[in-house]
C-alpha cells in the first residue's frame, strides 16, 4: 500500500513544517462516507508529537522529511493515489489525485464515487 507525494505537496508541507519549526507536523488524510458522490476525503495538519500515529495508521515520509498519515481503512481506498498541492485563482489547497477505482468526482474535488 502506498500514497505518493507530489513535488508541490512535498515543498508545501516542508515549508509549513519549517515555518512552524516543528518536524512533527504531518498531513492527515482520511476518507468518510458523504459528499455529493458517496465518499469524501478530509485533510488536516496534525502534530505527531502531541497526537502520535496509531497502530492503524501508516505514515508516509517524503525526501524532505514531510509526512502524510493515512488510517488503514482510508488507505485501502486511496492506495496508489497522489497527495498534490494546487494553486488556483480561488485559493490553494492540498488535494488527492489519481484515486484508483474512482468513477466520478464533484466540482469541489473532495467528493468522489468509487467502484468497490
N, C-alpha and C. Protein backbone atom coordinates (compact mmCIF):
# COMPACT_ATOMS: atom_id res chain seq x y z
N UNK A 1 0.85 -1.18 0.00
CA UNK A 1 0.00 0.00 0.00
C UNK A 1 0.90 1.24 0.00
N UNK A 2 0.54 2.19 -0.85
CA UNK A 2 1.40 3.36 -0.98
C UNK A 2 0.59 4.59 -1.41
N UNK A 3 0.99 5.72 -0.88
CA UNK A 3 0.48 7.03 -1.28
C UNK A 3 1.68 7.82 -1.79
N UNK A 4 1.54 8.44 -2.95
CA UNK A 4 2.61 9.28 -3.50
C UNK A 4 2.44 10.71 -2.99
N UNK A 5 3.54 11.42 -2.89
CA UNK A 5 3.53 12.84 -2.51
C UNK A 5 4.15 13.60 -3.67
N UNK A 6 3.37 14.48 -4.30
CA UNK A 6 3.88 15.22 -5.46
C UNK A 6 4.95 16.21 -5.00
N UNK A 7 5.83 16.65 -5.91
CA UNK A 7 6.84 17.64 -5.54
C UNK A 7 6.23 18.92 -4.97
N UNK A 8 5.10 19.39 -5.52
CA UNK A 8 4.46 20.60 -4.98
C UNK A 8 3.98 20.38 -3.56
N UNK A 9 3.35 19.23 -3.29
CA UNK A 9 2.89 18.92 -1.93
C UNK A 9 4.08 18.77 -1.00
N UNK A 10 5.12 18.14 -1.47
CA UNK A 10 6.33 17.97 -0.67
C UNK A 10 6.91 19.32 -0.27
N UNK A 11 7.04 20.21 -1.24
CA UNK A 11 7.58 21.54 -0.96
C UNK A 11 6.71 22.31 0.02
N UNK A 12 5.39 22.25 -0.15
CA UNK A 12 4.49 23.00 0.73
C UNK A 12 4.49 22.43 2.15
N UNK A 13 4.44 21.11 2.28
CA UNK A 13 4.49 20.50 3.62
C UNK A 13 5.81 20.82 4.32
N UNK A 14 6.89 20.77 3.56
CA UNK A 14 8.20 21.10 4.13
C UNK A 14 8.24 22.57 4.58
N UNK A 15 7.68 23.47 3.77
CA UNK A 15 7.65 24.90 4.12
C UNK A 15 6.81 25.13 5.38
N UNK A 16 5.68 24.45 5.50
CA UNK A 16 4.83 24.62 6.69
C UNK A 16 5.55 24.11 7.92
N UNK A 17 6.13 22.94 7.82
CA UNK A 17 6.85 22.34 8.95
C UNK A 17 8.04 23.20 9.36
N UNK A 18 8.80 23.70 8.38
CA UNK A 18 9.96 24.55 8.67
C UNK A 18 9.52 25.88 9.26
N UNK A 19 8.46 26.46 8.68
CA UNK A 19 7.95 27.75 9.16
C UNK A 19 7.48 27.68 10.60
N UNK A 20 6.89 26.55 10.98
CA UNK A 20 6.42 26.36 12.36
C UNK A 20 7.52 25.79 13.25
N UNK A 21 8.69 25.52 12.65
CA UNK A 21 9.80 24.92 13.38
C UNK A 21 9.36 23.66 14.12
N UNK A 22 8.57 22.82 13.41
CA UNK A 22 8.02 21.62 14.02
C UNK A 22 8.16 20.44 13.04
N UNK A 23 9.20 19.62 13.21
CA UNK A 23 9.38 18.48 12.31
C UNK A 23 8.34 17.38 12.51
N UNK A 24 7.48 17.51 13.54
CA UNK A 24 6.45 16.51 13.81
C UNK A 24 5.13 16.79 13.08
N UNK A 25 5.05 17.91 12.33
CA UNK A 25 3.81 18.21 11.61
C UNK A 25 3.61 17.22 10.47
N UNK A 26 2.38 16.77 10.31
CA UNK A 26 2.04 15.84 9.23
C UNK A 26 0.67 16.19 8.69
N UNK A 27 0.44 15.84 7.44
CA UNK A 27 -0.87 16.00 6.83
C UNK A 27 -1.62 14.69 7.02
N UNK A 28 -2.72 14.75 7.77
CA UNK A 28 -3.55 13.55 7.99
C UNK A 28 -4.65 13.53 6.94
N UNK A 29 -4.79 12.39 6.25
CA UNK A 29 -5.79 12.21 5.21
C UNK A 29 -6.71 11.08 5.64
N UNK A 30 -8.01 11.32 5.56
CA UNK A 30 -8.97 10.26 5.90
C UNK A 30 -10.15 10.33 4.93
N UNK A 31 -10.81 9.20 4.80
CA UNK A 31 -11.99 9.08 3.93
C UNK A 31 -13.21 8.82 4.81
N UNK A 32 -14.30 9.48 4.50
CA UNK A 32 -15.56 9.18 5.17
C UNK A 32 -16.67 9.15 4.13
N UNK A 33 -17.74 8.47 4.45
CA UNK A 33 -18.85 8.47 3.51
C UNK A 33 -19.55 9.82 3.61
N UNK A 34 -20.04 10.28 2.48
CA UNK A 34 -20.70 11.57 2.43
C UNK A 34 -20.28 12.34 1.19
N UNK A 35 -20.59 13.61 1.17
CA UNK A 35 -20.30 14.42 0.00
C UNK A 35 -21.32 14.14 -1.09
N UNK A 36 -21.14 14.75 -2.24
CA UNK A 36 -22.12 14.58 -3.31
C UNK A 36 -21.97 13.29 -4.10
N UNK A 37 -20.86 12.57 -3.91
CA UNK A 37 -20.63 11.38 -4.71
C UNK A 37 -20.37 10.11 -3.88
N UNK A 38 -20.72 10.11 -2.62
CA UNK A 38 -20.61 8.88 -1.83
C UNK A 38 -19.46 8.86 -0.84
N UNK A 39 -18.30 9.35 -1.23
CA UNK A 39 -17.14 9.41 -0.34
C UNK A 39 -16.54 10.80 -0.43
N UNK A 40 -15.89 11.21 0.65
CA UNK A 40 -15.13 12.46 0.61
C UNK A 40 -13.88 12.30 1.44
N UNK A 41 -12.83 12.98 1.01
CA UNK A 41 -11.62 12.92 1.81
C UNK A 41 -11.48 14.19 2.62
N UNK A 42 -10.93 14.02 3.80
CA UNK A 42 -10.70 15.13 4.71
C UNK A 42 -9.20 15.21 4.98
N UNK A 43 -8.70 16.41 5.14
CA UNK A 43 -7.28 16.61 5.43
C UNK A 43 -7.13 17.64 6.53
N UNK A 44 -6.17 17.40 7.39
CA UNK A 44 -5.82 18.42 8.38
C UNK A 44 -4.38 18.21 8.82
N UNK A 45 -3.78 19.28 9.29
CA UNK A 45 -2.43 19.18 9.81
C UNK A 45 -2.50 18.68 11.24
N UNK A 46 -1.61 17.78 11.58
CA UNK A 46 -1.57 17.23 12.92
C UNK A 46 -0.14 17.22 13.43
N UNK A 47 0.03 17.36 14.71
CA UNK A 47 1.34 17.31 15.34
C UNK A 47 1.52 15.90 15.89
N UNK A 48 2.37 15.12 15.25
CA UNK A 48 2.57 13.74 15.68
C UNK A 48 3.26 13.65 17.03
N UNK A 49 3.86 14.74 17.49
CA UNK A 49 4.46 14.77 18.83
C UNK A 49 3.38 14.81 19.90
N UNK A 50 2.25 15.46 19.60
CA UNK A 50 1.14 15.56 20.56
C UNK A 50 0.10 14.47 20.35
N UNK A 51 -0.13 14.09 19.10
CA UNK A 51 -1.11 13.04 18.76
C UNK A 51 -0.42 12.02 17.85
N UNK A 52 0.33 11.09 18.44
CA UNK A 52 1.08 10.13 17.62
C UNK A 52 0.18 9.27 16.74
N UNK A 53 0.75 8.77 15.67
CA UNK A 53 0.02 7.86 14.79
C UNK A 53 -0.33 6.60 15.57
N UNK A 54 -1.51 6.05 15.29
CA UNK A 54 -1.94 4.83 15.97
C UNK A 54 -1.42 3.60 15.20
N UNK A 55 -1.71 2.43 15.74
CA UNK A 55 -1.30 1.19 15.08
C UNK A 55 -1.99 1.01 13.74
N UNK A 56 -3.15 1.64 13.56
CA UNK A 56 -3.90 1.52 12.31
C UNK A 56 -3.49 2.56 11.27
N UNK A 57 -2.57 3.45 11.64
CA UNK A 57 -2.12 4.49 10.73
C UNK A 57 -0.84 4.07 10.01
N UNK A 58 -0.70 4.55 8.79
CA UNK A 58 0.55 4.41 8.05
C UNK A 58 1.08 5.81 7.82
N UNK A 59 2.36 6.02 8.11
CA UNK A 59 3.00 7.32 7.91
C UNK A 59 3.91 7.21 6.70
N UNK A 60 3.66 8.03 5.71
CA UNK A 60 4.50 8.10 4.52
C UNK A 60 5.39 9.31 4.67
N UNK A 61 6.67 9.15 4.39
CA UNK A 61 7.61 10.25 4.55
C UNK A 61 8.30 10.54 3.22
N UNK A 62 8.34 11.82 2.85
CA UNK A 62 8.98 12.23 1.61
C UNK A 62 10.45 12.52 1.80
N UNK A 63 11.09 12.92 0.72
CA UNK A 63 12.53 13.16 0.70
C UNK A 63 12.98 14.29 1.63
N UNK A 64 12.11 15.25 1.88
CA UNK A 64 12.46 16.39 2.72
C UNK A 64 12.00 16.22 4.16
N UNK A 65 11.52 15.03 4.50
CA UNK A 65 11.05 14.76 5.85
C UNK A 65 9.57 15.03 6.05
N UNK A 66 8.88 15.50 5.01
CA UNK A 66 7.44 15.76 5.13
C UNK A 66 6.71 14.45 5.33
N UNK A 67 5.58 14.52 6.05
CA UNK A 67 4.85 13.31 6.41
C UNK A 67 3.38 13.41 6.04
N UNK A 68 2.83 12.28 5.59
CA UNK A 68 1.41 12.13 5.32
C UNK A 68 0.96 10.90 6.09
N UNK A 69 -0.12 11.04 6.89
CA UNK A 69 -0.64 9.96 7.72
C UNK A 69 -2.00 9.55 7.18
N UNK A 70 -2.19 8.23 6.99
CA UNK A 70 -3.45 7.71 6.46
C UNK A 70 -3.85 6.51 7.31
N UNK A 71 -5.12 6.48 7.73
CA UNK A 71 -5.59 5.34 8.50
C UNK A 71 -5.81 4.15 7.57
N UNK A 72 -5.87 2.97 8.15
CA UNK A 72 -5.93 1.72 7.39
C UNK A 72 -7.11 1.65 6.43
N UNK A 73 -8.30 1.99 6.89
CA UNK A 73 -9.50 1.91 6.04
C UNK A 73 -9.40 2.89 4.87
N UNK A 74 -8.90 4.09 5.13
CA UNK A 74 -8.77 5.10 4.06
C UNK A 74 -7.70 4.69 3.07
N UNK A 75 -6.62 4.09 3.56
CA UNK A 75 -5.53 3.68 2.69
C UNK A 75 -5.99 2.64 1.67
N UNK A 76 -6.92 1.78 2.06
CA UNK A 76 -7.42 0.78 1.12
C UNK A 76 -8.09 1.44 -0.08
N UNK A 77 -8.76 2.58 0.14
CA UNK A 77 -9.42 3.29 -0.96
C UNK A 77 -8.45 4.20 -1.72
N UNK A 78 -7.42 4.70 -1.03
CA UNK A 78 -6.50 5.66 -1.63
C UNK A 78 -5.21 5.05 -2.15
N UNK A 79 -5.01 3.77 -1.95
CA UNK A 79 -3.76 3.12 -2.36
C UNK A 79 -3.42 3.44 -3.81
N UNK A 80 -2.24 3.99 -4.04
CA UNK A 80 -1.80 4.33 -5.39
C UNK A 80 -2.11 5.75 -5.81
N UNK A 81 -2.84 6.50 -4.99
CA UNK A 81 -3.18 7.88 -5.35
C UNK A 81 -2.03 8.82 -4.96
N UNK A 82 -2.20 10.10 -5.24
CA UNK A 82 -1.16 11.10 -5.00
C UNK A 82 -1.72 12.27 -4.21
N UNK A 83 -0.97 12.69 -3.20
CA UNK A 83 -1.28 13.93 -2.49
C UNK A 83 -0.62 15.04 -3.29
N UNK A 84 -1.40 16.02 -3.72
CA UNK A 84 -0.88 17.13 -4.52
C UNK A 84 -1.22 18.43 -3.82
N UNK A 85 -0.61 19.51 -4.28
CA UNK A 85 -0.91 20.85 -3.77
C UNK A 85 -1.17 21.72 -4.99
N UNK A 86 -2.35 22.33 -5.03
CA UNK A 86 -2.71 23.14 -6.19
C UNK A 86 -2.88 24.60 -5.79
N UNK A 87 -2.53 25.47 -6.72
CA UNK A 87 -2.71 26.91 -6.53
C UNK A 87 -3.57 27.40 -7.67
N UNK A 88 -4.78 27.88 -7.32
CA UNK A 88 -5.73 28.33 -8.32
C UNK A 88 -6.18 29.74 -7.96
N UNK A 89 -6.97 30.35 -8.83
CA UNK A 89 -7.46 31.70 -8.56
C UNK A 89 -8.28 31.78 -7.28
N UNK A 90 -9.02 30.72 -6.96
CA UNK A 90 -9.88 30.74 -5.78
C UNK A 90 -9.14 30.37 -4.50
N UNK A 91 -7.88 29.98 -4.62
CA UNK A 91 -7.09 29.66 -3.44
C UNK A 91 -6.19 28.46 -3.70
N UNK A 92 -5.47 28.09 -2.67
CA UNK A 92 -4.58 26.94 -2.78
C UNK A 92 -5.01 25.88 -1.78
N UNK A 93 -4.71 24.63 -2.10
CA UNK A 93 -5.15 23.53 -1.24
C UNK A 93 -4.39 22.25 -1.55
N UNK A 94 -4.36 21.38 -0.57
CA UNK A 94 -3.90 20.02 -0.81
C UNK A 94 -5.09 19.26 -1.38
N UNK A 95 -4.83 18.35 -2.31
CA UNK A 95 -5.90 17.51 -2.83
C UNK A 95 -5.35 16.15 -3.21
N UNK A 96 -6.23 15.20 -3.32
CA UNK A 96 -5.87 13.83 -3.71
C UNK A 96 -6.19 13.66 -5.19
N UNK A 97 -5.24 13.15 -5.94
CA UNK A 97 -5.46 12.91 -7.37
C UNK A 97 -5.17 11.44 -7.67
N UNK A 98 -5.72 10.97 -8.77
CA UNK A 98 -5.44 9.62 -9.23
C UNK A 98 -5.93 8.52 -8.31
N UNK A 99 -7.14 8.70 -7.74
CA UNK A 99 -7.69 7.67 -6.85
C UNK A 99 -8.08 6.46 -7.69
N UNK A 100 -7.41 5.32 -7.47
CA UNK A 100 -7.76 4.13 -8.26
C UNK A 100 -9.22 3.71 -8.01
N UNK A 101 -9.90 3.39 -9.05
CA UNK A 101 -11.29 2.94 -8.92
C UNK A 101 -12.30 4.06 -8.85
N UNK A 102 -11.86 5.32 -8.76
CA UNK A 102 -12.82 6.43 -8.71
C UNK A 102 -13.50 6.54 -10.07
N UNK A 103 -14.83 6.56 -10.05
CA UNK A 103 -15.59 6.61 -11.30
C UNK A 103 -16.08 8.01 -11.62
N UNK A 104 -16.20 8.86 -10.61
CA UNK A 104 -16.62 10.24 -10.84
C UNK A 104 -16.26 11.06 -9.62
N UNK A 105 -16.24 12.38 -9.81
CA UNK A 105 -15.98 13.28 -8.69
C UNK A 105 -16.79 14.55 -8.89
N UNK A 106 -16.89 15.34 -7.82
CA UNK A 106 -17.68 16.56 -7.93
C UNK A 106 -16.77 17.74 -8.26
N UNK A 107 -17.37 18.87 -8.50
CA UNK A 107 -16.63 20.06 -8.87
C UNK A 107 -15.66 20.55 -7.80
N UNK A 108 -15.99 20.33 -6.53
CA UNK A 108 -15.12 20.80 -5.46
C UNK A 108 -13.85 19.95 -5.37
N UNK A 109 -13.89 18.73 -5.91
CA UNK A 109 -12.72 17.88 -5.94
C UNK A 109 -12.48 17.04 -4.69
N UNK A 110 -13.32 17.18 -3.66
CA UNK A 110 -13.11 16.38 -2.45
C UNK A 110 -14.07 15.22 -2.32
N UNK A 111 -15.07 15.18 -3.17
CA UNK A 111 -16.08 14.11 -3.11
C UNK A 111 -15.93 13.24 -4.35
N UNK A 112 -16.04 11.93 -4.18
CA UNK A 112 -15.86 11.04 -5.31
C UNK A 112 -16.69 9.78 -5.11
N UNK A 113 -16.93 9.11 -6.22
CA UNK A 113 -17.61 7.82 -6.21
C UNK A 113 -16.57 6.78 -6.61
N UNK A 114 -16.65 5.61 -6.02
CA UNK A 114 -15.64 4.59 -6.30
C UNK A 114 -16.33 3.26 -6.55
N UNK A 115 -15.79 2.51 -7.49
CA UNK A 115 -16.31 1.18 -7.78
C UNK A 115 -15.60 0.21 -6.85
N UNK A 116 -16.36 -0.42 -5.96
CA UNK A 116 -15.76 -1.36 -5.00
C UNK A 116 -15.80 -2.78 -5.50
